[in-house]
Amino acid sequence: MATTHELKYEEALATLAKARPSAQKSYLEAKCNYATKKVPEAKKLLDESLKGSPDHVPSLLLRSDIALVEDDAVAARGFLERAVKAAPFDNSAHQKLSTVLLRLDEKEAAKQEADLAKKLLDLQLRFSELNNQASQRPKDIQVRIELGALARQLGREEEAKRWERVVDGMKVDPAFEVK
């Protein structure tokens, strides 16, 4: 008899069967297969999907996990390097790459990736904290200035521009204090 865990994945797969083809659909199907120990099926889905969408980061990350299950750290490294190139501000991709580099005994490169992963995580946490502050302090221009700067550091250019427009609007409105 299937466990509750397995039934949820079967239900997810039934729902996904109705979805139109996409890299995200293939990734989610592969994730369900992987979670229910159908690793070869997951691998096949991802390999096919990555042919058409070679920069789909979630697929690359899951494919690296499968490579590690197969004890192929070199292949995992390749998938993770592609993920980091496609999403240079994704701290989890950098952290996973660091772990694989350690397995490959590339300590210096692993340390650089781990340091970058930590820096990105710290920036993301600060960004989240400032978003909370922005909602609690609607007249605080400094919070919004820092949000714009952090968005840019996280590669979120459109978001940075939006925060800069907010700041510019606050500067011309006498109701807001510029500190």
N, C-alpha and C. Protein backbone atom coordinates (compact mmCIF):
# COMPACT_ATOMS: atom_id res chain seq x y z
N MET A 1 0.84 -1.19 0.00
CA MET A 1 0.00 0.00 0.00
C MET A 1 0.88 1.24 0.00
N ALA A 2 0.49 2.24 -0.75
CA ALA A 2 1.25 3.49 -0.85
C ALA A 2 1.10 4.29 0.44
N THR A 3 2.19 4.96 0.81
CA THR A 3 2.13 5.83 1.98
C THR A 3 1.44 7.13 1.62
N THR A 4 1.05 7.88 2.64
CA THR A 4 0.45 9.19 2.40
C THR A 4 1.39 10.06 1.59
N HIS A 5 2.66 9.97 1.90
CA HIS A 5 3.69 10.73 1.19
C HIS A 5 3.65 10.40 -0.30
N GLU A 6 3.63 9.12 -0.62
CA GLU A 6 3.61 8.69 -2.02
C GLU A 6 2.32 9.09 -2.72
N LEU A 7 1.20 9.01 -2.00
CA LEU A 7 -0.09 9.38 -2.59
C LEU A 7 -0.12 10.85 -2.99
N LYS A 8 0.48 11.71 -2.19
CA LYS A 8 0.52 13.13 -2.53
C LYS A 8 1.32 13.37 -3.80
N TYR A 9 2.41 12.64 -3.98
CA TYR A 9 3.20 12.78 -5.20
C TYR A 9 2.45 12.22 -6.40
N GLU A 10 1.71 11.11 -6.19
CA GLU A 10 0.91 10.55 -7.28
C GLU A 10 -0.17 11.54 -7.69
N GLU A 11 -0.79 12.18 -6.70
CA GLU A 11 -1.82 13.20 -6.98
C GLU A 11 -1.20 14.38 -7.73
N ALA A 12 -0.02 14.80 -7.33
CA ALA A 12 0.67 15.90 -8.01
C ALA A 12 0.96 15.52 -9.46
N LEU A 13 1.43 14.29 -9.67
CA LEU A 13 1.72 13.84 -11.03
C LEU A 13 0.46 13.80 -11.89
N ALA A 14 -0.67 13.40 -11.30
CA ALA A 14 -1.93 13.39 -12.05
C ALA A 14 -2.33 14.80 -12.46
N THR A 15 -2.14 15.75 -11.56
CA THR A 15 -2.44 17.14 -11.87
C THR A 15 -1.49 17.67 -12.94
N LEU A 16 -0.22 17.35 -12.81
CA LEU A 16 0.78 17.81 -13.78
C LEU A 16 0.54 17.22 -15.17
N ALA A 17 -0.03 16.04 -15.23
CA ALA A 17 -0.29 15.40 -16.53
C ALA A 17 -1.21 16.28 -17.39
N LYS A 18 -2.03 17.11 -16.75
CA LYS A 18 -2.96 17.98 -17.47
C LYS A 18 -2.31 19.31 -17.89
N ALA A 19 -1.15 19.60 -17.34
CA ALA A 19 -0.48 20.88 -17.63
C ALA A 19 0.20 20.83 -18.99
N ARG A 20 0.34 21.99 -19.59
CA ARG A 20 1.02 22.03 -20.89
C ARG A 20 2.52 21.83 -20.67
N PRO A 21 3.19 21.27 -21.67
CA PRO A 21 4.63 21.01 -21.53
C PRO A 21 5.44 22.28 -21.27
N SER A 22 6.38 22.17 -20.37
CA SER A 22 7.30 23.27 -20.07
C SER A 22 8.45 22.72 -19.24
N ALA A 23 9.49 23.51 -19.13
CA ALA A 23 10.62 23.10 -18.29
C ALA A 23 10.17 22.96 -16.84
N GLN A 24 9.31 23.86 -16.39
CA GLN A 24 8.84 23.80 -15.00
C GLN A 24 8.01 22.54 -14.76
N LYS A 25 7.15 22.19 -15.72
CA LYS A 25 6.35 20.96 -15.59
C LYS A 25 7.27 19.75 -15.49
N SER A 26 8.24 19.66 -16.38
CA SER A 26 9.18 18.52 -16.36
C SER A 26 9.93 18.47 -15.03
N TYR A 27 10.35 19.63 -14.55
CA TYR A 27 11.05 19.69 -13.27
C TYR A 27 10.17 19.16 -12.14
N LEU A 28 8.92 19.61 -12.10
CA LEU A 28 8.02 19.18 -11.02
C LEU A 28 7.72 17.68 -11.11
N GLU A 29 7.55 17.17 -12.33
CA GLU A 29 7.36 15.74 -12.49
C GLU A 29 8.60 14.98 -12.02
N ALA A 30 9.76 15.47 -12.41
CA ALA A 30 11.01 14.83 -11.99
C ALA A 30 11.16 14.87 -10.47
N LYS A 31 10.78 15.98 -9.89
CA LYS A 31 10.88 16.11 -8.43
C LYS A 31 9.98 15.09 -7.73
N CYS A 32 8.78 14.87 -8.27
CA CYS A 32 7.88 13.86 -7.71
C CYS A 32 8.50 12.47 -7.86
N ASN A 33 9.05 12.18 -9.03
CA ASN A 33 9.68 10.88 -9.24
C ASN A 33 10.87 10.68 -8.31
N TYR A 34 11.67 11.72 -8.17
CA TYR A 34 12.86 11.65 -7.31
C TYR A 34 12.44 11.39 -5.85
N ALA A 35 11.41 12.10 -5.42
CA ALA A 35 10.95 11.98 -4.03
C ALA A 35 10.39 10.59 -3.74
N THR A 36 9.89 9.92 -4.77
CA THR A 36 9.33 8.58 -4.57
C THR A 36 10.30 7.49 -5.03
N LYS A 37 11.58 7.85 -5.08
CA LYS A 37 12.68 6.91 -5.35
C LYS A 37 12.67 6.37 -6.79
N LYS A 38 12.02 7.08 -7.70
CA LYS A 38 12.05 6.71 -9.12
C LYS A 38 13.11 7.56 -9.81
N VAL A 39 14.34 7.35 -9.39
CA VAL A 39 15.46 8.19 -9.83
C VAL A 39 15.70 8.09 -11.34
N PRO A 40 15.68 6.89 -11.94
CA PRO A 40 15.91 6.84 -13.39
C PRO A 40 14.88 7.65 -14.19
N GLU A 41 13.61 7.60 -13.76
CA GLU A 41 12.57 8.37 -14.43
C GLU A 41 12.82 9.87 -14.29
N ALA A 42 13.20 10.27 -13.09
CA ALA A 42 13.49 11.68 -12.84
C ALA A 42 14.66 12.15 -13.71
N LYS A 43 15.69 11.33 -13.76
CA LYS A 43 16.87 11.67 -14.55
C LYS A 43 16.52 11.82 -16.03
N LYS A 44 15.74 10.88 -16.55
CA LYS A 44 15.35 10.94 -17.96
C LYS A 44 14.54 12.20 -18.26
N LEU A 45 13.57 12.52 -17.40
CA LEU A 45 12.76 13.74 -17.58
C LEU A 45 13.64 14.99 -17.61
N LEU A 46 14.55 15.07 -16.66
CA LEU A 46 15.41 16.25 -16.57
C LEU A 46 16.35 16.36 -17.76
N ASP A 47 16.94 15.24 -18.15
CA ASP A 47 17.86 15.27 -19.29
C ASP A 47 17.15 15.73 -20.55
N GLU A 48 15.94 15.25 -20.77
CA GLU A 48 15.16 15.67 -21.94
C GLU A 48 14.81 17.16 -21.84
N SER A 49 14.36 17.57 -20.68
CA SER A 49 13.94 18.96 -20.48
C SER A 49 15.12 19.92 -20.65
N LEU A 50 16.28 19.53 -20.12
CA LEU A 50 17.45 20.40 -20.19
C LEU A 50 17.98 20.56 -21.62
N LYS A 51 17.61 19.66 -22.50
CA LYS A 51 17.98 19.85 -23.91
C LYS A 51 17.29 21.08 -24.48
N GLY A 52 16.03 21.27 -24.13
CA GLY A 52 15.27 22.41 -24.63
C GLY A 52 15.39 23.66 -23.79
N SER A 53 15.67 23.49 -22.51
CA SER A 53 15.79 24.61 -21.57
C SER A 53 17.06 24.41 -20.74
N PRO A 54 18.22 24.62 -21.36
CA PRO A 54 19.48 24.29 -20.70
C PRO A 54 19.83 25.14 -19.48
N ASP A 55 19.13 26.26 -19.29
CA ASP A 55 19.42 27.15 -18.17
C ASP A 55 18.33 27.12 -17.09
N HIS A 56 17.47 26.12 -17.10
CA HIS A 56 16.41 26.04 -16.09
C HIS A 56 17.04 25.63 -14.76
N VAL A 57 17.20 26.60 -13.89
CA VAL A 57 17.97 26.41 -12.66
C VAL A 57 17.41 25.31 -11.76
N PRO A 58 16.11 25.28 -11.47
CA PRO A 58 15.64 24.19 -10.60
C PRO A 58 15.96 22.80 -11.17
N SER A 59 15.84 22.66 -12.49
CA SER A 59 16.16 21.37 -13.13
C SER A 59 17.65 21.05 -12.98
N LEU A 60 18.49 22.05 -13.16
CA LEU A 60 19.93 21.84 -13.01
C LEU A 60 20.29 21.44 -11.58
N LEU A 61 19.64 22.06 -10.61
CA LEU A 61 19.93 21.73 -9.21
C LEU A 61 19.49 20.31 -8.88
N LEU A 62 18.29 19.94 -9.34
CA LEU A 62 17.81 18.58 -9.08
C LEU A 62 18.67 17.56 -9.83
N ARG A 63 19.06 17.91 -11.03
CA ARG A 63 19.91 16.99 -11.82
C ARG A 63 21.26 16.79 -11.13
N SER A 64 21.76 17.84 -10.49
CA SER A 64 23.02 17.69 -9.74
C SER A 64 22.83 16.76 -8.54
N ASP A 65 21.66 16.85 -7.90
CA ASP A 65 21.37 15.94 -6.78
C ASP A 65 21.38 14.49 -7.25
N ILE A 66 20.79 14.26 -8.43
CA ILE A 66 20.76 12.90 -8.98
C ILE A 66 22.18 12.44 -9.30
N ALA A 67 22.98 13.31 -9.86
CA ALA A 67 24.37 12.94 -10.15
C ALA A 67 25.09 12.55 -8.86
N LEU A 68 24.83 13.24 -7.79
CA LEU A 68 25.47 12.91 -6.51
C LEU A 68 24.98 11.57 -5.98
N VAL A 69 23.68 11.29 -6.14
CA VAL A 69 23.14 9.99 -5.73
C VAL A 69 23.84 8.88 -6.51
N GLU A 70 24.18 9.18 -7.75
CA GLU A 70 24.89 8.21 -8.60
C GLU A 70 26.39 8.26 -8.38
N ASP A 71 26.82 9.02 -7.38
CA ASP A 71 28.23 9.17 -7.02
C ASP A 71 29.07 9.73 -8.17
N ASP A 72 28.50 10.69 -8.89
CA ASP A 72 29.19 11.33 -10.01
C ASP A 72 29.35 12.83 -9.70
N ALA A 73 30.33 13.12 -8.85
CA ALA A 73 30.56 14.50 -8.42
C ALA A 73 30.99 15.39 -9.59
N VAL A 74 31.68 14.83 -10.56
CA VAL A 74 32.12 15.61 -11.73
C VAL A 74 30.90 16.09 -12.52
N ALA A 75 29.94 15.20 -12.75
CA ALA A 75 28.72 15.60 -13.46
C ALA A 75 27.93 16.62 -12.63
N ALA A 76 27.85 16.38 -11.32
CA ALA A 76 27.14 17.32 -10.44
C ALA A 76 27.76 18.70 -10.55
N ARG A 77 29.07 18.74 -10.58
CA ARG A 77 29.77 20.02 -10.71
C ARG A 77 29.36 20.73 -12.01
N GLY A 78 29.30 19.99 -13.10
CA GLY A 78 28.91 20.58 -14.37
C GLY A 78 27.51 21.18 -14.33
N PHE A 79 26.57 20.45 -13.74
CA PHE A 79 25.21 20.97 -13.62
C PHE A 79 25.17 22.21 -12.73
N LEU A 80 25.93 22.17 -11.65
CA LEU A 80 25.94 23.31 -10.72
C LEU A 80 26.64 24.53 -11.31
N GLU A 81 27.69 24.31 -12.07
CA GLU A 81 28.34 25.45 -12.73
C GLU A 81 27.39 26.11 -13.72
N ARG A 82 26.60 25.31 -14.41
CA ARG A 82 25.59 25.87 -15.32
C ARG A 82 24.53 26.65 -14.53
N ALA A 83 24.12 26.10 -13.38
CA ALA A 83 23.11 26.77 -12.55
C ALA A 83 23.63 28.11 -12.03
N VAL A 84 24.87 28.12 -11.59
CA VAL A 84 25.47 29.36 -11.06
C VAL A 84 25.62 30.40 -12.17
N LYS A 85 25.94 29.94 -13.37
CA LYS A 85 26.06 30.87 -14.50
C LYS A 85 24.69 31.44 -14.85
N ALA A 86 23.66 30.60 -14.82
CA ALA A 86 22.30 31.05 -15.17
C ALA A 86 21.68 31.90 -14.07
N ALA A 87 22.05 31.65 -12.82
CA ALA A 87 21.47 32.37 -11.67
C ALA A 87 22.59 32.75 -10.70
N PRO A 88 23.39 33.75 -11.07
CA PRO A 88 24.57 34.07 -10.25
C PRO A 88 24.26 34.59 -8.85
N PHE A 89 23.01 34.94 -8.58
CA PHE A 89 22.66 35.47 -7.26
C PHE A 89 21.90 34.45 -6.41
N ASP A 90 21.89 33.18 -6.84
CA ASP A 90 21.19 32.11 -6.13
C ASP A 90 22.15 31.50 -5.10
N ASN A 91 21.95 31.83 -3.85
CA ASN A 91 22.88 31.37 -2.81
C ASN A 91 22.89 29.85 -2.68
N SER A 92 21.76 29.19 -2.89
CA SER A 92 21.74 27.74 -2.72
C SER A 92 22.56 27.05 -3.82
N ALA A 93 22.54 27.60 -5.03
CA ALA A 93 23.36 27.02 -6.11
C ALA A 93 24.84 27.13 -5.76
N HIS A 94 25.25 28.27 -5.23
CA HIS A 94 26.65 28.46 -4.83
C HIS A 94 27.01 27.53 -3.68
N GLN A 95 26.09 27.35 -2.73
CA GLN A 95 26.37 26.47 -1.59
C GLN A 95 26.51 25.02 -2.05
N LYS A 96 25.61 24.60 -2.94
CA LYS A 96 25.71 23.23 -3.45
C LYS A 96 27.01 23.03 -4.23
N LEU A 97 27.38 24.03 -5.02
CA LEU A 97 28.63 23.93 -5.78
C LEU A 97 29.82 23.83 -4.82
N SER A 98 29.78 24.60 -3.75
CA SER A 98 30.84 24.54 -2.75
C SER A 98 30.98 23.13 -2.18
N THR A 99 29.87 22.51 -1.87
CA THR A 99 29.88 21.16 -1.31
C THR A 99 30.48 20.16 -2.30
N VAL A 100 30.10 20.29 -3.57
CA VAL A 100 30.63 19.38 -4.58
C VAL A 100 32.13 19.61 -4.79
N LEU A 101 32.53 20.86 -4.78
CA LEU A 101 33.96 21.16 -4.93
C LEU A 101 34.77 20.56 -3.79
N LEU A 102 34.21 20.58 -2.60
CA LEU A 102 34.89 19.93 -1.46
C LEU A 102 35.04 18.44 -1.72
N ARG A 103 33.99 17.82 -2.23
CA ARG A 103 34.07 16.38 -2.55
C ARG A 103 35.14 16.10 -3.58
N LEU A 104 35.36 17.08 -4.46
CA LEU A 104 36.38 16.92 -5.50
C LEU A 104 37.75 17.40 -5.02
N ASP A 105 37.83 17.73 -3.72
CA ASP A 105 39.07 18.16 -3.08
C ASP A 105 39.62 19.47 -3.66
N GLU A 106 38.73 20.35 -4.06
CA GLU A 106 39.12 21.68 -4.54
C GLU A 106 38.75 22.69 -3.45
N LYS A 107 39.57 22.67 -2.40
CA LYS A 107 39.25 23.41 -1.19
C LYS A 107 39.16 24.92 -1.37
N GLU A 108 40.07 25.51 -2.10
CA GLU A 108 40.05 26.97 -2.28
C GLU A 108 38.82 27.41 -3.06
N ALA A 109 38.53 26.72 -4.14
CA ALA A 109 37.34 27.05 -4.94
C ALA A 109 36.07 26.83 -4.11
N ALA A 110 36.06 25.77 -3.30
CA ALA A 110 34.92 25.49 -2.44
C ALA A 110 34.72 26.61 -1.43
N LYS A 111 35.81 27.10 -0.86
CA LYS A 111 35.71 28.20 0.11
C LYS A 111 35.17 29.46 -0.55
N GLN A 112 35.63 29.76 -1.76
CA GLN A 112 35.13 30.95 -2.46
C GLN A 112 33.63 30.85 -2.72
N GLU A 113 33.18 29.68 -3.14
CA GLU A 113 31.75 29.49 -3.38
C GLU A 113 30.96 29.58 -2.08
N ALA A 114 31.48 29.00 -1.01
CA ALA A 114 30.79 29.06 0.29
C ALA A 114 30.71 30.49 0.79
N ASP A 115 31.80 31.25 0.62
CA ASP A 115 31.80 32.65 1.05
C ASP A 115 30.77 33.45 0.25
N LEU A 116 30.72 33.21 -1.05
CA LEU A 116 29.75 33.92 -1.89
C LEU A 116 28.32 33.53 -1.51
N ALA A 117 28.09 32.25 -1.25
CA ALA A 117 26.76 31.79 -0.83
C ALA A 117 26.34 32.49 0.46
N LYS A 118 27.26 32.60 1.42
CA LYS A 118 26.95 33.27 2.68
C LYS A 118 26.66 34.75 2.46
N LYS A 119 27.46 35.39 1.64
CA LYS A 119 27.25 36.82 1.35
C LYS A 119 25.87 37.03 0.73
N LEU A 120 25.51 36.20 -0.23
CA LEU A 120 24.20 36.32 -0.88
C LEU A 120 23.07 36.07 0.10
N LEU A 121 23.23 35.06 0.95
CA LEU A 121 22.20 34.78 1.95
C LEU A 121 22.05 35.96 2.91
N ASP A 122 23.16 36.52 3.36
CA ASP A 122 23.10 37.68 4.25
C ASP A 122 22.39 38.86 3.58
N LEU A 123 22.69 39.09 2.30
CA LEU A 123 22.02 40.17 1.56
C LEU A 123 20.52 39.90 1.45
N GLN A 124 20.15 38.66 1.18
CA GLN A 124 18.73 38.32 1.05
C GLN A 124 18.00 38.48 2.38
N LEU A 125 18.65 38.08 3.46
CA LEU A 125 18.03 38.24 4.78
C LEU A 125 17.85 39.71 5.13
N ARG A 126 18.87 40.52 4.85
CA ARG A 126 18.77 41.96 5.11
C ARG A 126 17.67 42.58 4.25
N PHE A 127 17.59 42.15 3.00
CA PHE A 127 16.57 42.66 2.09
C PHE A 127 15.17 42.34 2.63
N SER A 128 15.00 41.13 3.11
CA SER A 128 13.71 40.72 3.69
C SER A 128 13.38 41.54 4.93
N GLU A 129 14.38 41.72 5.78
CA GLU A 129 14.21 42.52 7.00
C GLU A 129 13.81 43.96 6.65
N LEU A 130 14.48 44.53 5.65
CA LEU A 130 14.16 45.90 5.26
C LEU A 130 12.77 46.02 4.63
N ASN A 131 12.34 45.00 3.92
CA ASN A 131 10.99 45.01 3.37
C ASN A 131 9.96 45.08 4.49
N ASN A 132 10.22 44.32 5.56
CA ASN A 132 9.33 44.39 6.73
C ASN A 132 9.35 45.78 7.35
N GLN A 133 10.55 46.36 7.47
CA GLN A 133 10.66 47.70 8.03
C GLN A 133 9.94 48.73 7.16
N ALA A 134 10.04 48.57 5.85
CA ALA A 134 9.40 49.52 4.94
C ALA A 134 7.89 49.53 5.15
N SER A 135 7.30 48.37 5.39
CA SER A 135 5.85 48.33 5.60
C SER A 135 5.47 48.93 6.96
N GLN A 136 6.37 48.85 7.93
CA GLN A 136 6.09 49.38 9.27
C GLN A 136 6.43 50.87 9.39
N ARG A 137 7.32 51.34 8.52
CA ARG A 137 7.77 52.74 8.58
C ARG A 137 7.61 53.38 7.20
N PRO A 138 6.37 53.72 6.84
CA PRO A 138 6.08 54.21 5.49
C PRO A 138 6.75 55.54 5.12
N LYS A 139 7.24 56.28 6.08
CA LYS A 139 7.86 57.57 5.78
C LYS A 139 9.39 57.54 5.87
N ASP A 140 9.95 56.37 6.08
CA ASP A 140 11.40 56.25 6.26
C ASP A 140 12.08 56.06 4.89
N ILE A 141 12.65 57.12 4.40
CA ILE A 141 13.29 57.11 3.09
C ILE A 141 14.58 56.30 3.10
N GLN A 142 15.30 56.29 4.22
CA GLN A 142 16.58 55.56 4.31
C GLN A 142 16.39 54.06 4.07
N VAL A 143 15.31 53.51 4.60
CA VAL A 143 15.02 52.09 4.40
C VAL A 143 14.88 51.81 2.91
N ARG A 144 14.20 52.69 2.21
CA ARG A 144 13.96 52.50 0.78
C ARG A 144 15.23 52.71 -0.05
N ILE A 145 16.08 53.61 0.40
CA ILE A 145 17.37 53.80 -0.28
C ILE A 145 18.20 52.52 -0.17
N GLU A 146 18.23 51.94 1.05
CA GLU A 146 18.99 50.70 1.23
C GLU A 146 18.36 49.54 0.47
N LEU A 147 17.03 49.50 0.40
CA LEU A 147 16.37 48.45 -0.37
C LEU A 147 16.78 48.52 -1.84
N GLY A 148 16.85 49.72 -2.39
CA GLY A 148 17.27 49.88 -3.77
C GLY A 148 18.69 49.40 -3.99
N ALA A 149 19.56 49.75 -3.07
CA ALA A 149 20.96 49.34 -3.18
C ALA A 149 21.10 47.81 -3.06
N LEU A 150 20.38 47.23 -2.11
CA LEU A 150 20.44 45.77 -1.94
C LEU A 150 19.85 45.04 -3.14
N ALA A 151 18.76 45.56 -3.68
CA ALA A 151 18.16 44.93 -4.86
C ALA A 151 19.18 44.86 -5.99
N ARG A 152 19.92 45.94 -6.16
CA ARG A 152 20.95 45.96 -7.22
C ARG A 152 22.05 44.93 -6.92
N GLN A 153 22.47 44.82 -5.66
CA GLN A 153 23.51 43.85 -5.29
C GLN A 153 23.03 42.41 -5.49
N LEU A 154 21.72 42.21 -5.45
CA LEU A 154 21.16 40.88 -5.64
C LEU A 154 20.76 40.61 -7.09
N GLY A 155 21.13 41.53 -7.98
CA GLY A 155 20.84 41.34 -9.39
C GLY A 155 19.40 41.58 -9.77
N ARG A 156 18.67 42.27 -8.93
CA ARG A 156 17.25 42.57 -9.17
C ARG A 156 17.12 44.00 -9.69
N GLU A 157 17.56 44.20 -10.89
CA GLU A 157 17.67 45.55 -11.46
C GLU A 157 16.33 46.28 -11.53
N GLU A 158 15.28 45.59 -11.97
CA GLU A 158 13.96 46.24 -12.06
C GLU A 158 13.46 46.66 -10.68
N GLU A 159 13.68 45.81 -9.70
CA GLU A 159 13.27 46.13 -8.34
C GLU A 159 14.08 47.31 -7.79
N ALA A 160 15.36 47.35 -8.12
CA ALA A 160 16.20 48.47 -7.68
C ALA A 160 15.67 49.78 -8.27
N LYS A 161 15.33 49.75 -9.55
CA LYS A 161 14.80 50.96 -10.20
C LYS A 161 13.47 51.38 -9.58
N ARG A 162 12.65 50.40 -9.23
CA ARG A 162 11.36 50.73 -8.59
C ARG A 162 11.59 51.42 -7.25
N TRP A 163 12.52 50.90 -6.44
CA TRP A 163 12.80 51.53 -5.16
C TRP A 163 13.39 52.93 -5.36
N GLU A 164 14.21 53.09 -6.37
CA GLU A 164 14.79 54.42 -6.64
C GLU A 164 13.70 55.42 -7.05
N ARG A 165 12.70 54.96 -7.80
CA ARG A 165 11.57 55.83 -8.16
C ARG A 165 10.78 56.22 -6.92
N VAL A 166 10.59 55.27 -6.01
CA VAL A 166 9.90 55.56 -4.76
C VAL A 166 10.66 56.62 -3.97
N VAL A 167 11.97 56.45 -3.87
CA VAL A 167 12.80 57.40 -3.14
C VAL A 167 12.72 58.78 -3.79
N ASP A 168 12.82 58.83 -5.11
CA ASP A 168 12.72 60.12 -5.82
C ASP A 168 11.39 60.79 -5.52
N GLY A 169 10.31 60.02 -5.50
CA GLY A 169 8.99 60.58 -5.18
C GLY A 169 8.92 61.08 -3.75
N MET A 170 9.56 60.39 -2.85
CA MET A 170 9.55 60.80 -1.45
C MET A 170 10.35 62.09 -1.25
N LYS A 171 11.42 62.27 -2.02
CA LYS A 171 12.27 63.45 -1.88
C LYS A 171 11.53 64.73 -2.25
N VAL A 172 10.61 64.64 -3.20
CA VAL A 172 9.90 65.86 -3.63
C VAL A 172 8.65 66.11 -2.81
N ASP A 173 8.27 65.16 -1.95
CA ASP A 173 7.09 65.32 -1.12
C ASP A 173 7.50 65.77 0.28
N PRO A 174 7.05 66.95 0.71
CA PRO A 174 7.47 67.46 2.04
C PRO A 174 6.98 66.62 3.20
N ALA A 175 6.05 65.69 2.97
CA ALA A 175 5.55 64.85 4.05
C ALA A 175 6.58 63.82 4.50
N PHE A 176 7.60 63.60 3.66
CA PHE A 176 8.61 62.60 3.98
C PHE A 176 9.90 63.29 4.40
N GLU A 177 10.51 62.72 5.44
CA GLU A 177 11.77 63.27 5.94
C GLU A 177 12.94 62.59 5.25
N VAL A 178 13.89 63.40 4.83
CA VAL A 178 15.15 62.87 4.31
C VAL A 178 16.16 63.03 5.41
N LYS A 179 16.71 61.93 5.86
CA LYS A 179 17.68 61.98 6.97
C LYS A 179 19.08 62.02 6.45
